[in-house]
Each structure stands twice: as structure tokens, then as C-alpha cells.
Amino acid sequence: MITVYGGGSWGTALAHVLASAGREVSLLLRDEAVAAAVNERHENPRYLPGLPLAPSLRAVTDSSVLGASDVWVLAVPCQNQRGALEAARTLLRPETVIVNAAKGIELDTLKPLSVVTREALGGTEEDVRCRYAMLSGPSFAREVVENKPSAVVLGCAEETLGARLRAMFATPWFRCYSSPDVRGVELGGAVKNVIAIAAGVCDGLRFGDNARAALVTRGLAEITRLGVAMGARASTFMGLSGLGDLMLTCTGDLSRNRQVGLRLGEGERLDDIAADMHMVAEGVKTTRAVDGLARKLNVEMPITSVMNALLDGRLAPQQAVELLMRRSLKEESA
């Protein structure tokens, strides 16, 4: 049995995929009313209203379901994941496989989710190698639930497990690849949210297509620099969890992170935007974490740096752009 832990839009979408693929799957969430709606009306009215879910999908609110599960698919937001996993630690069986579908860098520790998961569950490096995978890629939850064609990548160090998980998620409209570069897959999925907020700011300032294209390209260079410094393969960032996810979140109107940036560029305050959004835009806290990580590792990430200052209220959107455009001239490089 598979349990998807986290009933937000992405967790619901992945549970729908797995149930559509004929898997026995439970969606573990906190809200009894939402669970009843999933079970009775086959809909998540809070996060994906009006979209029909696979009829076989079962929603539960009792975390004991984790103890009977062969696979945990983690869709708990990044900053809440450590606490959620520590609470569930006693339910983990030695053979249980973990698939992490959240995106981000833990703000307090500056650690990627593979490390957070291992520490929270009391695992070893060998556990991460043979029992852990990271799912990422260009995939808006709404379009996934609408059964529109999507492709993702599973970062999994163990080739046999990667092949097994590819097949587990596969449907005629949801295609999975695998990669042994767990660190690259998780960083691509996390750091692209920083650039997506920046792209939204660019669009909110009405700077046009040239500016957005330049920003996304240089953003990819920043992501790659950080990834390589942390042991990832540069080539991973040209794939689905890097370039693919970056293109989607920087241009698609369903991107929560892009919407945050768009509204900042139009002059709204971050506190007002956050209060108006009932879904988490992970990129806000990820920006702060990535900027701290870049400084710690001495990796040059100018877009991330000015975005952190903007989100902290130390720079206005126009000032952030001016700082980037006035940087010293140099040869183009990754």
C-alpha cells in the first residue's frame, strides 16, 4: 500500500496519479471535512475544487496508516516536514520506501530535504541510497489532476528502485524518468522557486520578454553553480527538474511563486500577498535559505541575493533590477 502524506494540491494530485495507475493508495490529511469530500464526492474542495479525483482514492486522517504502508510519498511542505516526520518516525518499517515530493531548503539548518528526511527518520546514508527518491519536474497539480500530459524525474541513487518507482507512478498521461543524481534533482526543484519569484517581479514591472528570458537564463546558471558546489551533476539542471521546472514556474500563471513576484512587482506588500494566499509559496522561505547557503559555500548567486533583500524589505523591485543590471561586466559562464 502507498500513503501520500500531505493533502495539499500536489499531494492530492500525486495520490490521484497513483490511484489512476491502479495502486492501492491512501491520502493522509488533517481536515476531516476535506477527507469526507475526497471519499464521498471524489474532490478536494479546498485545493482543487471542481476537479474529479480517481474514485478508488481513499482519504484518511489517522496517521497509523503509515505503519501499514510500503511506500510513503511525502507532500508535506518543506519547512514543516522535519516535525511531521519526527512525529511519524515510530511508524516507519525497515523496508518502507520514501519518495519525497516536496521542494525547498530547510530555513533553520540550510539543509536539503534528503538530509532533513534522513535525520528526522533516524536513517543512515545507506538508507538514503537504497530506500529514498526525490520526485521533481514541471508539473502543476491542476493539470496533473486534469490528466493532461506531464513528465517528472525521480532522483534515486539505486537504479533498481528507480526503475520500480518509475513504473509505480506511470500512467498514459504521467510519465516518469529516473536519475541517480538525487542532490541535483532536489536542488533543481527547490531553487527554481527563487527564480520564479524574480520572473514574476520582472513581469509585474512590465519589463517584457527580453528581460524575463535573460533572468531565467542567468537564474539557471545560479542554480547550476550551487548544485555543482553541493556535489550535483551540472547536466541534471538541463533536465526536467532544472530547465523544465524553471521554464514552467517562471512563465505559467498557475505558479504560486510567480504570482507572488508578479504582485510584488505591481507594488503589493509581501505580508498582504501571503495573507491572501491559502496555499504555500515555498519560494519565499527558500529564497532566504538559498541565499544563506550560497554565502556559506561562497557561491555567487546575485539574483538570489537581491531577491532575498527584496523579500526582506531592504530593496524595492526597481532597485533590485538596477543592482543586477549594473553589476560588473564579464564573460558569460555557468
Protein backbone atom coordinates (compact mmCIF):
# COMPACT_ATOMS: atom_id res chain seq x y z
CA MET A 1 0.00 0.00 0.00
CA ILE A 2 1.08 3.58 -0.70
CA THR A 3 0.34 6.56 1.54
CA VAL A 4 0.64 10.11 0.27
CA TYR A 5 1.39 12.21 3.35
CA GLY A 6 0.02 15.72 2.80
CA GLY A 7 -3.34 16.66 1.29
CA GLY A 8 -2.49 19.94 -0.42
CA SER A 9 -2.78 20.39 -4.15
CA TRP A 10 0.40 18.48 -5.03
CA GLY A 11 -0.18 15.64 -2.61
CA THR A 12 -3.73 15.27 -3.89
CA ALA A 13 -2.51 15.27 -7.49
CA LEU A 14 0.06 12.53 -6.83
CA ALA A 15 -2.50 10.44 -4.96
CA HIS A 16 -4.79 10.80 -7.98
CA VAL A 17 -1.98 9.65 -10.30
CA LEU A 18 -1.20 6.61 -8.20
CA ALA A 19 -4.86 5.63 -7.81
CA SER A 20 -5.38 6.11 -11.56
CA ALA A 21 -2.45 3.74 -12.13
CA GLY A 22 -4.33 1.07 -10.20
CA ARG A 23 -2.33 1.34 -6.97
CA GLU A 24 -3.84 1.00 -3.52
CA VAL A 25 -3.30 4.48 -2.16
CA SER A 26 -4.35 6.49 0.88
CA LEU A 27 -4.18 10.27 1.11
CA LEU A 28 -3.27 11.30 4.66
CA LEU A 29 -4.51 14.76 5.57
CA ARG A 30 -5.59 16.70 8.66
CA ASP A 31 -9.03 18.06 7.74
CA GLU A 32 -11.93 15.67 8.37
CA ALA A 33 -14.25 17.65 6.09
CA VAL A 34 -11.82 17.51 3.19
CA ALA A 35 -11.27 13.80 3.75
CA ALA A 36 -15.03 13.24 3.64
CA ALA A 37 -15.27 15.22 0.39
CA VAL A 38 -12.50 13.14 -1.21
CA ASN A 39 -14.18 9.90 -0.17
CA GLU A 40 -17.78 10.86 -0.90
CA ARG A 41 -17.56 13.35 -3.78
CA HIS A 42 -14.09 12.43 -5.13
CA GLU A 43 -12.94 16.04 -4.92
CA ASN A 44 -10.57 18.14 -2.81
CA PRO A 45 -12.73 21.26 -2.37
CA ARG A 46 -10.03 23.23 -0.56
CA TYR A 47 -7.16 22.94 -3.00
CA LEU A 48 -8.54 21.59 -6.28
CA PRO A 49 -12.24 22.47 -6.31
CA GLY A 50 -14.33 21.12 -9.15
CA LEU A 51 -11.74 18.59 -10.35
CA PRO A 52 -12.75 14.91 -10.16
CA LEU A 53 -10.32 12.56 -8.45
CA ALA A 54 -9.84 8.84 -9.08
CA PRO A 55 -12.81 7.07 -7.42
CA SER A 56 -10.57 4.46 -5.77
CA LEU A 57 -8.58 7.10 -3.87
CA ARG A 58 -9.16 6.86 -0.11
CA ALA A 59 -8.58 9.83 2.21
CA VAL A 60 -7.73 9.29 5.88
CA THR A 61 -6.83 11.45 8.87
CA ASP A 62 -5.35 8.74 11.10
CA SER A 63 -1.56 8.67 10.76
CA SER A 64 -1.43 5.00 11.77
CA VAL A 65 -1.99 4.22 8.08
CA LEU A 66 1.71 4.96 7.62
CA GLY A 67 2.62 1.89 9.64
CA ALA A 68 0.92 -0.37 7.10
CA SER A 69 2.38 1.35 4.04
CA ASP A 70 5.14 0.04 1.78
CA VAL A 71 5.78 3.49 0.28
CA TRP A 72 5.48 6.94 1.83
CA VAL A 73 5.09 9.78 -0.67
CA LEU A 74 5.92 12.97 1.23
CA ALA A 75 3.99 16.07 0.19
CA VAL A 76 4.26 17.94 3.50
CA PRO A 77 5.67 21.46 2.84
CA CYS A 78 9.42 21.73 3.26
CA GLN A 79 9.50 23.88 6.40
CA ASN A 80 7.03 21.58 8.21
CA GLN A 81 8.50 18.29 7.09
CA ARG A 82 11.03 17.62 9.84
CA GLY A 83 8.42 17.89 12.58
CA ALA A 84 5.90 15.78 10.68
CA LEU A 85 8.43 13.00 10.09
CA GLU A 86 9.73 13.01 13.64
CA ALA A 87 6.15 12.51 14.82
CA ALA A 88 5.72 9.57 12.43
CA ARG A 89 9.15 8.01 12.99
CA THR A 90 7.92 5.07 15.06
CA LEU A 91 5.59 4.03 12.22
CA LEU A 92 8.41 3.57 9.71
CA ARG A 93 9.18 -0.05 8.83
CA PRO A 94 12.71 -1.14 7.82
CA GLU A 95 11.60 -1.92 4.26
CA THR A 96 9.47 1.20 3.69
CA VAL A 97 10.48 3.33 0.68
CA ILE A 98 10.37 7.13 0.94
CA VAL A 99 9.54 9.30 -2.08
CA ASN A 100 9.87 13.00 -1.29
CA ALA A 101 7.73 15.24 -3.47
CA ALA A 102 8.21 18.48 -1.52
CA LYS A 103 10.53 21.24 -2.69
CA GLY A 104 12.75 23.56 -0.72
CA ILE A 105 15.71 24.05 1.61
CA GLU A 106 15.11 23.95 5.35
CA LEU A 107 15.44 27.52 6.56
CA ASP A 108 16.78 26.87 10.08
CA THR A 109 19.51 24.43 9.04
CA LEU A 110 20.11 25.26 5.33
CA LYS A 111 19.82 21.51 4.62
CA PRO A 112 18.23 19.89 1.55
CA LEU A 113 15.26 17.60 2.07
CA SER A 114 17.19 14.36 1.59
CA VAL A 115 19.24 15.27 4.68
CA VAL A 116 16.19 16.50 6.60
CA THR A 117 14.37 13.24 5.89
CA ARG A 118 17.30 11.09 6.95
CA GLU A 119 17.80 12.99 10.19
CA ALA A 120 14.10 13.15 11.07
CA LEU A 121 13.59 9.43 10.50
CA GLY A 122 16.88 8.36 12.07
CA GLY A 123 18.23 6.83 8.89
CA THR A 124 21.74 6.36 7.54
CA GLU A 125 23.47 7.32 4.31
CA GLU A 126 22.87 3.76 3.11
CA ASP A 127 19.13 4.21 3.76
CA VAL A 128 19.13 7.28 1.55
CA ARG A 129 20.89 5.34 -1.19
CA CYS A 130 18.63 2.29 -1.24
CA ARG A 131 15.27 3.49 0.14
CA TYR A 132 14.90 7.12 -0.88
CA ALA A 133 13.85 9.01 -4.01
CA MET A 134 13.17 12.65 -4.83
CA LEU A 135 10.35 13.47 -7.27
CA SER A 136 10.52 16.75 -9.16
CA GLY A 137 9.76 18.25 -12.55
CA PRO A 138 7.46 20.65 -14.42
CA SER A 139 4.04 19.66 -13.13
CA PHE A 140 1.25 21.95 -11.99
CA ALA A 141 -1.10 19.97 -9.75
CA ARG A 142 -4.23 21.19 -11.52
CA GLU A 143 -3.06 19.98 -14.93
CA VAL A 144 -1.98 16.64 -13.46
CA VAL A 145 -5.44 16.08 -11.98
CA GLU A 146 -6.96 17.10 -15.32
CA ASN A 147 -5.00 14.18 -16.80
CA LYS A 148 -3.02 16.46 -19.09
CA PRO A 149 0.35 15.07 -20.27
CA SER A 150 3.15 15.69 -17.76
CA ALA A 151 6.66 14.35 -17.18
CA VAL A 152 8.72 14.28 -13.98
CA VAL A 153 12.00 12.80 -12.80
CA LEU A 154 12.75 10.63 -9.78
CA GLY A 155 16.16 11.22 -8.24
CA CYS A 156 17.15 7.80 -6.89
CA ALA A 157 20.67 6.52 -6.25
CA GLU A 158 19.61 2.88 -6.53
CA GLU A 159 18.93 2.02 -10.18
CA THR A 160 16.64 -0.92 -9.42
CA LEU A 161 14.50 1.15 -7.06
CA GLY A 162 14.36 3.97 -9.59
CA ALA A 163 13.01 1.60 -12.23
CA ARG A 164 10.41 0.24 -9.80
CA LEU A 165 9.22 3.72 -8.84
CA ARG A 166 9.07 4.87 -12.47
CA ALA A 167 6.60 2.09 -13.15
CA MET A 168 4.66 2.76 -9.96
CA PHE A 169 3.81 6.34 -10.95
CA ALA A 170 3.37 5.81 -14.68
CA THR A 171 0.03 6.39 -16.41
CA PRO A 172 -0.75 7.16 -20.08
CA TRP A 173 -0.59 10.88 -19.20
CA PHE A 174 2.01 10.97 -16.41
CA ARG A 175 5.49 9.92 -17.49
CA CYS A 176 8.39 9.30 -15.07
CA TYR A 177 12.09 9.28 -15.76
CA SER A 178 14.77 8.48 -13.19
CA SER A 179 18.20 9.89 -12.38
CA PRO A 180 20.90 8.74 -9.95
CA ASP A 181 21.60 12.40 -9.07
CA VAL A 182 19.38 12.82 -6.01
CA ARG A 183 21.07 16.07 -4.95
CA GLY A 184 20.70 17.62 -8.39
CA VAL A 185 17.02 16.69 -8.68
CA GLU A 186 16.15 18.09 -5.26
CA LEU A 187 18.11 21.33 -5.74
CA GLY A 188 16.65 21.98 -9.19
CA GLY A 189 13.13 21.65 -7.79
CA ALA A 190 13.89 23.88 -4.82
CA VAL A 191 15.94 26.75 -6.21
CA LYS A 192 13.81 27.31 -9.32
CA ASN A 193 11.15 28.78 -6.99
CA VAL A 194 13.53 31.62 -6.16
CA ILE A 195 13.94 32.45 -9.83
CA ALA A 196 10.19 32.11 -10.39
CA ILE A 197 9.51 34.87 -7.87
CA ALA A 198 12.10 37.03 -9.62
CA ALA A 199 10.49 36.33 -13.00
CA GLY A 200 7.14 37.38 -11.56
CA VAL A 201 8.66 40.64 -10.32
CA CYS A 202 10.06 41.21 -13.80
CA ASP A 203 6.63 40.72 -15.34
CA GLY A 204 4.94 42.83 -12.66
CA LEU A 205 7.26 45.71 -13.61
CA ARG A 206 6.20 45.22 -17.27
CA PHE A 207 9.78 44.75 -18.43
CA GLY A 208 8.83 42.45 -21.29
CA ASP A 209 10.01 39.20 -22.82
CA ASN A 210 13.69 40.11 -23.22
CA ALA A 211 14.12 40.76 -19.52
CA ARG A 212 12.33 37.56 -18.49
CA ALA A 213 14.41 35.43 -20.87
CA ALA A 214 17.65 36.94 -19.57
CA LEU A 215 16.57 36.45 -15.97
CA VAL A 216 15.61 32.80 -16.45
CA THR A 217 18.86 32.04 -18.28
CA ARG A 218 21.05 33.61 -15.64
CA GLY A 219 18.89 32.02 -12.96
CA LEU A 220 19.67 28.62 -14.40
CA ALA A 221 23.38 29.47 -14.19
CA GLU A 222 22.96 30.26 -10.47
CA ILE A 223 21.11 27.01 -9.81
CA THR A 224 23.82 25.05 -11.60
CA ARG A 225 26.65 26.75 -9.69
CA LEU A 226 25.06 25.96 -6.36
CA GLY A 227 24.27 22.39 -7.38
CA VAL A 228 27.80 21.62 -8.54
CA ALA A 229 29.19 23.11 -5.31
CA MET A 230 26.98 20.67 -3.40
CA GLY A 231 28.02 17.63 -5.42
CA ALA A 232 25.33 17.52 -8.09
CA ARG A 233 25.92 16.94 -11.80
CA ALA A 234 25.72 20.05 -13.99
CA SER A 235 23.86 18.07 -16.66
CA THR A 236 20.95 17.40 -14.27
CA PHE A 237 19.98 21.06 -14.39
CA MET A 238 19.37 20.85 -18.13
CA GLY A 239 16.67 18.24 -17.47
CA LEU A 240 13.14 18.13 -16.08
CA SER A 241 13.96 19.17 -12.51
CA GLY A 242 16.13 22.05 -13.71
CA LEU A 243 15.37 23.74 -17.00
CA GLY A 244 11.97 22.08 -17.36
CA ASP A 245 10.64 23.10 -13.96
CA LEU A 246 12.25 26.52 -14.26
CA MET A 247 10.51 27.27 -17.56
CA LEU A 248 7.15 26.24 -16.16
CA THR A 249 7.27 28.14 -12.90
CA CYS A 250 8.70 31.31 -14.46
CA THR A 251 6.04 31.57 -17.17
CA GLY A 252 2.92 29.67 -16.06
CA ASP A 253 0.06 31.57 -14.44
CA LEU A 254 -0.63 28.60 -12.12
CA SER A 255 2.76 29.13 -10.45
CA ARG A 256 2.21 30.41 -6.91
CA ASN A 257 5.78 31.67 -6.74
CA ARG A 258 5.47 33.60 -9.97
CA GLN A 259 2.21 35.11 -8.69
CA VAL A 260 3.96 36.32 -5.52
CA GLY A 261 6.62 38.01 -7.64
CA LEU A 262 4.06 39.47 -10.03
CA ARG A 263 2.18 41.12 -7.21
CA LEU A 264 5.41 42.39 -5.62
CA GLY A 265 6.36 43.95 -8.95
CA GLU A 266 2.96 45.63 -9.10
CA GLY A 267 3.59 47.26 -5.72
CA GLU A 268 1.86 44.99 -3.21
CA ARG A 269 3.40 44.20 0.17
CA LEU A 270 4.60 40.66 0.86
CA ASP A 271 2.57 40.40 4.08
CA ASP A 272 -0.62 41.28 2.22
CA ILE A 273 0.13 38.77 -0.54
CA ALA A 274 0.83 35.99 1.96
CA ALA A 275 -2.38 36.71 3.87
CA ASP A 276 -4.36 36.47 0.64
CA MET A 277 -2.91 33.09 -0.44
CA HIS A 278 -4.24 29.93 1.23
CA MET A 279 -1.59 27.75 -0.44
CA VAL A 280 2.10 27.84 0.44
CA ALA A 281 4.50 29.62 -1.91
CA GLU A 282 7.64 27.75 -0.87
CA GLY A 283 9.93 30.11 -2.76
CA VAL A 284 9.68 32.89 -0.16
CA LYS A 285 11.40 30.92 2.61
CA THR A 286 13.52 29.02 0.10
CA THR A 287 14.96 32.34 -1.11
CA ARG A 288 16.21 33.12 2.38
CA ALA A 289 17.59 29.62 2.84
CA VAL A 290 19.33 29.53 -0.55
CA ASP A 291 20.89 32.94 -0.02
CA GLY A 292 22.28 31.75 3.31
CA LEU A 293 23.53 28.54 1.74
CA ALA A 294 25.21 30.40 -1.12
CA ARG A 295 27.02 32.66 1.32
CA LYS A 296 28.07 29.69 3.43
CA LEU A 297 29.51 27.89 0.39
CA ASN A 298 30.87 31.08 -1.22
CA VAL A 299 28.80 30.54 -4.38
CA GLU A 300 27.96 33.64 -6.42
CA MET A 301 24.14 33.95 -6.74
CA PRO A 302 23.33 37.62 -7.43
CA ILE A 303 19.68 37.10 -8.38
CA THR A 304 19.05 35.15 -5.20
CA SER A 305 20.85 37.79 -3.16
CA VAL A 306 18.78 40.72 -4.43
CA MET A 307 15.57 38.70 -4.17
CA ASN A 308 16.30 37.98 -0.53
CA ALA A 309 16.83 41.69 0.08
CA LEU A 310 13.60 42.47 -1.77
CA LEU A 311 11.58 39.94 0.23
CA ASP A 312 13.08 41.29 3.46
CA GLY A 313 12.01 44.80 2.50
CA ARG A 314 15.56 46.11 2.08
CA LEU A 315 15.13 46.75 -1.65
CA ALA A 316 12.25 47.88 -3.84
CA PRO A 317 11.63 45.85 -7.02
CA GLN A 318 13.05 48.56 -9.30
CA GLN A 319 16.15 48.88 -7.12
CA ALA A 320 16.74 45.13 -7.27
CA VAL A 321 16.70 45.20 -11.07
CA GLU A 322 19.05 48.17 -11.20
CA LEU A 323 21.55 46.41 -8.94
CA LEU A 324 21.58 43.36 -11.23
CA MET A 325 21.92 45.39 -14.42
CA ARG A 326 24.80 47.48 -13.04
CA ARG A 327 26.96 44.57 -11.93
CA SER A 328 30.47 44.48 -13.37
CA LEU A 329 30.66 43.21 -16.93
CA LYS A 330 32.28 39.83 -17.60
CA GLU A 331 32.33 36.81 -19.87
CA GLU A 332 29.26 34.62 -19.90
CA SER A 333 29.76 31.41 -17.94
CA ALA A 334 27.73 28.96 -15.95
